[in-house]
Amino acid sequence: MIQPADPRTRRNAAILVLVFTFLGTVAYFATDRFVTDLKELAWADPGLAVEQAGMAIKLLAFTLGIFLASFSAWLFHFSLRSARAGCFPPPGTRLIKERTTLTGEPARARARMGYVLAAVIATAAVVLPTYLWHTIDLLTRP
């Protein structure tokens, strides 16, 4: 069985790509400005510059953890829906591109693969920010 694409979802995905492109550009220029200001501060007060750089990296680590945990939760839920329905993609999924629906054991295998990937990403959501946070604490310790 072929599940058709949803044109509205395709349009929304294109808009989302444009929004993330814009946000990435803004983040690039904001980071560039922050680094320039940090370099100037390093000449005046090196201790404060190190402290501010450490806080910025900790904020990025926390944000990374939130994004990874959110994606992991979504992937787990998607896999759960697929396993319960016995088909992949599960019913009600709006697709960008039409695709053949898997049923039975191949669909359950995809769901199990989704569970494993969600667990790996959830682990990374905890380990990576914790590691970065600890490393910054070690580097900024007086």
N, C-alpha and C. Protein backbone atom coordinates (compact mmCIF):
# COMPACT_ATOMS: atom_id res chain seq x y z
N MET A 1 0.83 -1.17 0.00
CA MET A 1 0.00 0.00 0.00
C MET A 1 0.89 1.24 0.00
N ILE A 2 0.51 2.24 -0.78
CA ILE A 2 1.27 3.48 -0.87
C ILE A 2 0.52 4.56 -0.10
N GLN A 3 1.24 5.20 0.83
CA GLN A 3 0.66 6.28 1.61
C GLN A 3 0.99 7.59 0.89
N PRO A 4 -0.03 8.39 0.54
CA PRO A 4 0.23 9.61 -0.24
C PRO A 4 0.88 10.72 0.58
N ALA A 5 1.52 11.62 -0.15
CA ALA A 5 2.15 12.78 0.49
C ALA A 5 1.08 13.83 0.78
N ASP A 6 1.34 14.64 1.79
CA ASP A 6 0.44 15.73 2.15
C ASP A 6 1.08 17.04 1.68
N PRO A 7 0.46 17.73 0.69
CA PRO A 7 1.08 18.95 0.16
C PRO A 7 1.27 20.04 1.22
N ARG A 8 0.36 20.12 2.18
CA ARG A 8 0.49 21.12 3.24
C ARG A 8 1.72 20.83 4.11
N THR A 9 1.97 19.55 4.37
CA THR A 9 3.13 19.18 5.16
C THR A 9 4.42 19.49 4.40
N ARG A 10 4.42 19.28 3.10
CA ARG A 10 5.59 19.60 2.28
C ARG A 10 5.88 21.10 2.36
N ARG A 11 4.83 21.92 2.27
CA ARG A 11 4.99 23.38 2.35
C ARG A 11 5.50 23.76 3.74
N ASN A 12 4.94 23.16 4.78
CA ASN A 12 5.38 23.46 6.15
C ASN A 12 6.83 23.06 6.37
N ALA A 13 7.25 21.95 5.77
CA ALA A 13 8.65 21.51 5.89
C ALA A 13 9.58 22.50 5.21
N ALA A 14 9.19 23.00 4.05
CA ALA A 14 10.01 23.99 3.35
C ALA A 14 10.12 25.27 4.18
N ILE A 15 9.02 25.69 4.77
CA ILE A 15 9.04 26.89 5.62
C ILE A 15 9.94 26.66 6.83
N LEU A 16 9.86 25.47 7.41
CA LEU A 16 10.69 25.14 8.57
C LEU A 16 12.18 25.19 8.22
N VAL A 17 12.53 24.69 7.04
CA VAL A 17 13.92 24.74 6.60
C VAL A 17 14.38 26.20 6.46
N LEU A 18 13.52 27.04 5.89
CA LEU A 18 13.86 28.46 5.76
C LEU A 18 14.02 29.13 7.12
N VAL A 19 13.13 28.81 8.05
CA VAL A 19 13.21 29.40 9.39
C VAL A 19 14.51 28.98 10.08
N PHE A 20 14.85 27.69 10.00
CA PHE A 20 16.09 27.23 10.63
C PHE A 20 17.32 27.81 9.95
N THR A 21 17.24 28.01 8.65
CA THR A 21 18.35 28.65 7.94
C THR A 21 18.54 30.08 8.44
N PHE A 22 17.44 30.80 8.59
CA PHE A 22 17.51 32.17 9.11
C PHE A 22 18.06 32.18 10.54
N LEU A 23 17.54 31.28 11.39
CA LEU A 23 18.01 31.23 12.78
C LEU A 23 19.48 30.86 12.86
N GLY A 24 19.93 29.97 11.99
CA GLY A 24 21.34 29.60 11.95
C GLY A 24 22.22 30.78 11.55
N THR A 25 21.74 31.57 10.60
CA THR A 25 22.49 32.75 10.17
C THR A 25 22.57 33.77 11.31
N VAL A 26 21.46 33.99 11.99
CA VAL A 26 21.45 34.91 13.12
C VAL A 26 22.40 34.40 14.21
N ALA A 27 22.34 33.10 14.48
CA ALA A 27 23.22 32.52 15.51
C ALA A 27 24.69 32.67 15.12
N TYR A 28 24.99 32.52 13.84
CA TYR A 28 26.37 32.66 13.38
C TYR A 28 26.88 34.07 13.66
N PHE A 29 26.11 35.08 13.27
CA PHE A 29 26.55 36.46 13.47
C PHE A 29 26.58 36.85 14.95
N ALA A 30 25.63 36.34 15.73
CA ALA A 30 25.63 36.62 17.16
C ALA A 30 26.85 35.99 17.83
N THR A 31 27.18 34.77 17.43
CA THR A 31 28.35 34.09 17.98
C THR A 31 29.63 34.81 17.58
N ASP A 32 29.69 35.25 16.32
CA ASP A 32 30.87 35.98 15.85
C ASP A 32 31.06 37.26 16.66
N ARG A 33 29.97 37.96 16.91
CA ARG A 33 30.05 39.19 17.71
C ARG A 33 30.46 38.88 19.15
N PHE A 34 29.90 37.80 19.71
CA PHE A 34 30.23 37.41 21.08
C PHE A 34 31.72 37.08 21.20
N VAL A 35 32.25 36.35 20.23
CA VAL A 35 33.66 35.97 20.27
C VAL A 35 34.55 37.19 20.14
N THR A 36 34.16 38.13 19.27
CA THR A 36 34.93 39.38 19.13
C THR A 36 34.95 40.15 20.45
N ASP A 37 33.79 40.28 21.08
CA ASP A 37 33.72 40.96 22.37
C ASP A 37 34.51 40.22 23.43
N LEU A 38 34.48 38.89 23.38
CA LEU A 38 35.21 38.08 24.36
C LEU A 38 36.72 38.25 24.19
N LYS A 39 37.19 38.36 22.95
CA LYS A 39 38.62 38.59 22.71
C LYS A 39 39.06 39.94 23.28
N GLU A 40 38.21 40.96 23.09
CA GLU A 40 38.54 42.27 23.65
C GLU A 40 38.54 42.24 25.17
N LEU A 41 37.58 41.51 25.75
CA LEU A 41 37.50 41.40 27.20
C LEU A 41 38.70 40.63 27.75
N ALA A 42 39.21 39.67 26.98
CA ALA A 42 40.35 38.87 27.44
C ALA A 42 41.58 39.74 27.69
N TRP A 43 41.73 40.83 26.93
CA TRP A 43 42.86 41.73 27.17
C TRP A 43 42.66 42.53 28.45
N ALA A 44 41.42 42.93 28.70
CA ALA A 44 41.15 43.77 29.88
C ALA A 44 41.04 42.95 31.16
N ASP A 45 40.30 41.85 31.12
CA ASP A 45 40.06 41.04 32.31
C ASP A 45 39.99 39.57 31.90
N PRO A 46 41.14 38.89 31.87
CA PRO A 46 41.15 37.50 31.39
C PRO A 46 40.27 36.56 32.23
N GLY A 47 40.21 36.77 33.51
CA GLY A 47 39.41 35.90 34.37
C GLY A 47 37.93 35.99 34.04
N LEU A 48 37.45 37.20 33.84
CA LEU A 48 36.05 37.40 33.48
C LEU A 48 35.75 36.83 32.10
N ALA A 49 36.69 36.96 31.17
CA ALA A 49 36.51 36.42 29.82
C ALA A 49 36.38 34.89 29.86
N VAL A 50 37.21 34.24 30.67
CA VAL A 50 37.14 32.78 30.80
C VAL A 50 35.81 32.38 31.44
N GLU A 51 35.38 33.14 32.44
CA GLU A 51 34.11 32.85 33.10
C GLU A 51 32.94 32.99 32.13
N GLN A 52 32.94 34.05 31.32
CA GLN A 52 31.86 34.25 30.36
C GLN A 52 31.88 33.18 29.26
N ALA A 53 33.05 32.81 28.80
CA ALA A 53 33.14 31.75 27.79
C ALA A 53 32.62 30.43 28.36
N GLY A 54 32.98 30.15 29.60
CA GLY A 54 32.49 28.92 30.25
C GLY A 54 30.98 28.91 30.38
N MET A 55 30.40 30.04 30.77
CA MET A 55 28.94 30.11 30.89
C MET A 55 28.26 29.94 29.54
N ALA A 56 28.85 30.51 28.49
CA ALA A 56 28.28 30.38 27.14
C ALA A 56 28.30 28.91 26.69
N ILE A 57 29.39 28.22 26.95
CA ILE A 57 29.48 26.81 26.57
C ILE A 57 28.52 25.97 27.40
N LYS A 58 28.36 26.30 28.68
CA LYS A 58 27.39 25.58 29.52
C LYS A 58 25.96 25.79 29.01
N LEU A 59 25.66 27.00 28.59
CA LEU A 59 24.33 27.28 28.02
C LEU A 59 24.12 26.48 26.74
N LEU A 60 25.13 26.41 25.90
CA LEU A 60 25.03 25.61 24.68
C LEU A 60 24.87 24.12 25.01
N ALA A 61 25.58 23.65 26.01
CA ALA A 61 25.47 22.24 26.42
C ALA A 61 24.07 21.93 26.92
N PHE A 62 23.51 22.82 27.72
CA PHE A 62 22.15 22.64 28.23
C PHE A 62 21.14 22.63 27.08
N THR A 63 21.28 23.56 26.15
CA THR A 63 20.39 23.63 24.99
C THR A 63 20.50 22.37 24.14
N LEU A 64 21.72 21.89 23.94
CA LEU A 64 21.92 20.64 23.19
C LEU A 64 21.20 19.49 23.88
N GLY A 65 21.30 19.41 25.19
CA GLY A 65 20.62 18.35 25.93
C GLY A 65 19.11 18.41 25.77
N ILE A 66 18.55 19.61 25.81
CA ILE A 66 17.09 19.78 25.65
C ILE A 66 16.66 19.32 24.26
N PHE A 67 17.38 19.76 23.23
CA PHE A 67 17.03 19.37 21.86
C PHE A 67 17.14 17.85 21.66
N LEU A 68 18.21 17.27 22.15
CA LEU A 68 18.39 15.82 22.00
C LEU A 68 17.32 15.04 22.76
N ALA A 69 17.00 15.47 23.97
CA ALA A 69 15.97 14.78 24.75
C ALA A 69 14.60 14.91 24.08
N SER A 70 14.31 16.06 23.54
CA SER A 70 13.03 16.26 22.85
C SER A 70 12.92 15.36 21.62
N PHE A 71 13.98 15.31 20.83
CA PHE A 71 13.97 14.46 19.65
C PHE A 71 13.85 12.99 20.03
N SER A 72 14.54 12.60 21.08
CA SER A 72 14.47 11.21 21.54
C SER A 72 13.05 10.85 21.96
N ALA A 73 12.38 11.74 22.68
CA ALA A 73 11.00 11.49 23.11
C ALA A 73 10.07 11.38 21.90
N TRP A 74 10.25 12.26 20.92
CA TRP A 74 9.42 12.20 19.71
C TRP A 74 9.65 10.88 18.97
N LEU A 75 10.91 10.49 18.82
CA LEU A 75 11.23 9.25 18.11
C LEU A 75 10.67 8.03 18.84
N PHE A 76 10.75 8.02 20.16
CA PHE A 76 10.19 6.91 20.93
C PHE A 76 8.68 6.83 20.72
N HIS A 77 8.00 7.97 20.79
CA HIS A 77 6.55 8.01 20.60
C HIS A 77 6.17 7.56 19.19
N PHE A 78 6.91 8.00 18.18
CA PHE A 78 6.65 7.60 16.80
C PHE A 78 6.83 6.10 16.65
N SER A 79 7.88 5.55 17.23
CA SER A 79 8.13 4.10 17.17
C SER A 79 7.05 3.33 17.91
N LEU A 80 6.59 3.86 19.02
CA LEU A 80 5.51 3.22 19.78
C LEU A 80 4.23 3.17 18.95
N ARG A 81 3.90 4.27 18.28
CA ARG A 81 2.72 4.29 17.41
C ARG A 81 2.86 3.27 16.29
N SER A 82 4.03 3.17 15.73
CA SER A 82 4.27 2.22 14.64
C SER A 82 4.15 0.78 15.13
N ALA A 83 4.69 0.49 16.30
CA ALA A 83 4.63 -0.87 16.84
C ALA A 83 3.19 -1.26 17.17
N ARG A 84 2.44 -0.35 17.76
CA ARG A 84 1.05 -0.63 18.11
C ARG A 84 0.18 -0.84 16.88
N ALA A 85 0.41 -0.03 15.84
CA ALA A 85 -0.39 -0.13 14.63
C ALA A 85 0.05 -1.29 13.74
N GLY A 86 1.28 -1.73 13.91
CA GLY A 86 1.79 -2.81 13.08
C GLY A 86 2.10 -2.37 11.66
N CYS A 87 2.26 -1.07 11.46
CA CYS A 87 2.64 -0.57 10.14
C CYS A 87 3.57 0.64 10.30
N PHE A 88 4.38 0.80 9.27
CA PHE A 88 5.34 1.92 9.26
C PHE A 88 5.27 2.61 7.92
N PRO A 89 5.04 3.90 7.88
CA PRO A 89 4.75 4.82 8.97
C PRO A 89 3.37 4.58 9.55
N PRO A 90 3.17 4.94 10.82
CA PRO A 90 1.89 4.67 11.46
C PRO A 90 0.76 5.49 10.83
N PRO A 91 -0.47 5.03 10.98
CA PRO A 91 -1.61 5.77 10.43
C PRO A 91 -1.68 7.19 10.99
N GLY A 92 -2.05 8.12 10.13
CA GLY A 92 -2.18 9.51 10.54
C GLY A 92 -0.91 10.31 10.38
N THR A 93 0.18 9.66 9.97
CA THR A 93 1.43 10.37 9.76
C THR A 93 1.34 11.16 8.47
N ARG A 94 1.63 12.44 8.55
CA ARG A 94 1.63 13.28 7.36
C ARG A 94 3.01 13.22 6.74
N LEU A 95 3.07 12.81 5.49
CA LEU A 95 4.34 12.59 4.81
C LEU A 95 4.67 13.72 3.85
N ILE A 96 5.95 13.96 3.67
CA ILE A 96 6.43 14.95 2.71
C ILE A 96 6.46 14.32 1.32
N LYS A 97 6.74 13.03 1.28
CA LYS A 97 6.87 12.30 0.02
C LYS A 97 6.08 11.01 0.15
N GLU A 98 5.41 10.60 -0.92
CA GLU A 98 4.66 9.35 -0.82
C GLU A 98 5.62 8.18 -0.64
N ARG A 99 5.15 7.18 0.11
CA ARG A 99 6.02 6.03 0.36
C ARG A 99 5.18 4.79 0.57
N THR A 100 5.82 3.66 0.39
CA THR A 100 5.17 2.37 0.60
C THR A 100 5.09 2.10 2.10
N THR A 101 3.94 1.64 2.55
CA THR A 101 3.74 1.34 3.96
C THR A 101 4.19 -0.09 4.24
N LEU A 102 5.04 -0.25 5.24
CA LEU A 102 5.45 -1.58 5.68
C LEU A 102 4.45 -2.07 6.71
N THR A 103 4.16 -3.36 6.68
CA THR A 103 3.25 -3.95 7.67
C THR A 103 3.89 -5.19 8.27
N GLY A 104 3.36 -5.61 9.39
CA GLY A 104 3.81 -6.85 10.03
C GLY A 104 5.19 -6.73 10.65
N GLU A 105 5.97 -7.79 10.49
CA GLU A 105 7.29 -7.87 11.12
C GLU A 105 8.27 -6.79 10.63
N PRO A 106 8.30 -6.46 9.32
CA PRO A 106 9.21 -5.36 8.92
C PRO A 106 8.88 -4.04 9.63
N ALA A 107 7.61 -3.76 9.84
CA ALA A 107 7.22 -2.53 10.55
C ALA A 107 7.64 -2.60 12.01
N ARG A 108 7.48 -3.75 12.63
CA ARG A 108 7.89 -3.89 14.03
C ARG A 108 9.41 -3.81 14.17
N ALA A 109 10.13 -4.31 13.17
CA ALA A 109 11.59 -4.20 13.19
C ALA A 109 12.01 -2.73 13.12
N ARG A 110 11.32 -1.95 12.29
CA ARG A 110 11.61 -0.52 12.23
C ARG A 110 11.31 0.15 13.57
N ALA A 111 10.22 -0.26 14.20
CA ALA A 111 9.87 0.31 15.50
C ALA A 111 10.94 -0.03 16.53
N ARG A 112 11.41 -1.26 16.53
CA ARG A 112 12.48 -1.65 17.47
C ARG A 112 13.75 -0.84 17.21
N MET A 113 14.07 -0.63 15.93
CA MET A 113 15.23 0.17 15.59
C MET A 113 15.03 1.61 16.10
N GLY A 114 13.80 2.10 16.02
CA GLY A 114 13.50 3.44 16.54
C GLY A 114 13.68 3.51 18.05
N TYR A 115 13.27 2.44 18.75
CA TYR A 115 13.46 2.40 20.21
C TYR A 115 14.95 2.47 20.57
N VAL A 116 15.75 1.69 19.85
CA VAL A 116 17.19 1.66 20.13
C VAL A 116 17.81 3.02 19.85
N LEU A 117 17.45 3.60 18.70
CA LEU A 117 17.99 4.92 18.36
C LEU A 117 17.54 5.98 19.37
N ALA A 118 16.28 5.91 19.81
CA ALA A 118 15.78 6.85 20.83
C ALA A 118 16.57 6.70 22.13
N ALA A 119 16.90 5.46 22.50
CA ALA A 119 17.67 5.23 23.73
C ALA A 119 19.09 5.79 23.59
N VAL A 120 19.70 5.61 22.43
CA VAL A 120 21.05 6.13 22.20
C VAL A 120 21.04 7.66 22.26
N ILE A 121 20.04 8.27 21.63
CA ILE A 121 19.95 9.73 21.62
C ILE A 121 19.64 10.25 23.03
N ALA A 122 18.79 9.55 23.78
CA ALA A 122 18.49 9.96 25.15
C ALA A 122 19.75 9.88 26.02
N THR A 123 20.55 8.85 25.81
CA THR A 123 21.80 8.73 26.55
C THR A 123 22.73 9.89 26.21
N ALA A 124 22.81 10.21 24.92
CA ALA A 124 23.64 11.35 24.51
C ALA A 124 23.11 12.65 25.08
N ALA A 125 21.79 12.76 25.23
CA ALA A 125 21.18 13.98 25.78
C ALA A 125 21.59 14.20 27.23
N VAL A 126 21.94 13.15 27.92
CA VAL A 126 22.38 13.27 29.31
C VAL A 126 23.91 13.34 29.39
N VAL A 127 24.58 12.47 28.66
CA VAL A 127 26.03 12.35 28.79
C VAL A 127 26.78 13.55 28.20
N LEU A 128 26.43 13.97 26.99
CA LEU A 128 27.18 15.05 26.35
C LEU A 128 27.11 16.37 27.13
N PRO A 129 25.93 16.85 27.50
CA PRO A 129 25.92 18.10 28.28
C PRO A 129 26.62 17.96 29.64
N THR A 130 26.45 16.80 30.28
CA THR A 130 27.12 16.59 31.56
C THR A 130 28.63 16.61 31.40
N TYR A 131 29.13 15.96 30.36
CA TYR A 131 30.56 15.94 30.08
C TYR A 131 31.07 17.35 29.79
N LEU A 132 30.36 18.09 28.93
CA LEU A 132 30.79 19.46 28.62
C LEU A 132 30.78 20.33 29.87
N TRP A 133 29.72 20.21 30.66
CA TRP A 133 29.60 21.01 31.88
C TRP A 133 30.78 20.72 32.82
N HIS A 134 31.06 19.43 33.01
CA HIS A 134 32.17 19.03 33.91
C HIS A 134 33.52 19.52 33.35
N THR A 135 33.71 19.40 32.04
CA THR A 135 34.96 19.84 31.44
C THR A 135 35.16 21.34 31.61
N ILE A 136 34.10 22.10 31.40
CA ILE A 136 34.20 23.56 31.57
C ILE A 136 34.51 23.89 33.04
N ASP A 137 33.91 23.17 33.97
CA ASP A 137 34.21 23.40 35.39
C ASP A 137 35.69 23.13 35.68
N LEU A 138 36.23 22.07 35.07
CA LEU A 138 37.64 21.77 35.27
C LEU A 138 38.55 22.83 34.66
N LEU A 139 38.17 23.33 33.48
CA LEU A 139 39.01 24.31 32.80
C LEU A 139 38.93 25.68 33.43
N THR A 140 37.82 26.03 34.03
CA THR A 140 37.67 27.37 34.61
C THR A 140 37.94 27.42 36.10
N ARG A 141 38.28 26.28 36.67
CA ARG A 141 38.59 26.25 38.11
C ARG A 141 39.86 27.03 38.38
N PRO A 142 39.84 27.90 39.39
CA PRO A 142 41.05 28.71 39.69
C PRO A 142 42.19 27.89 40.23
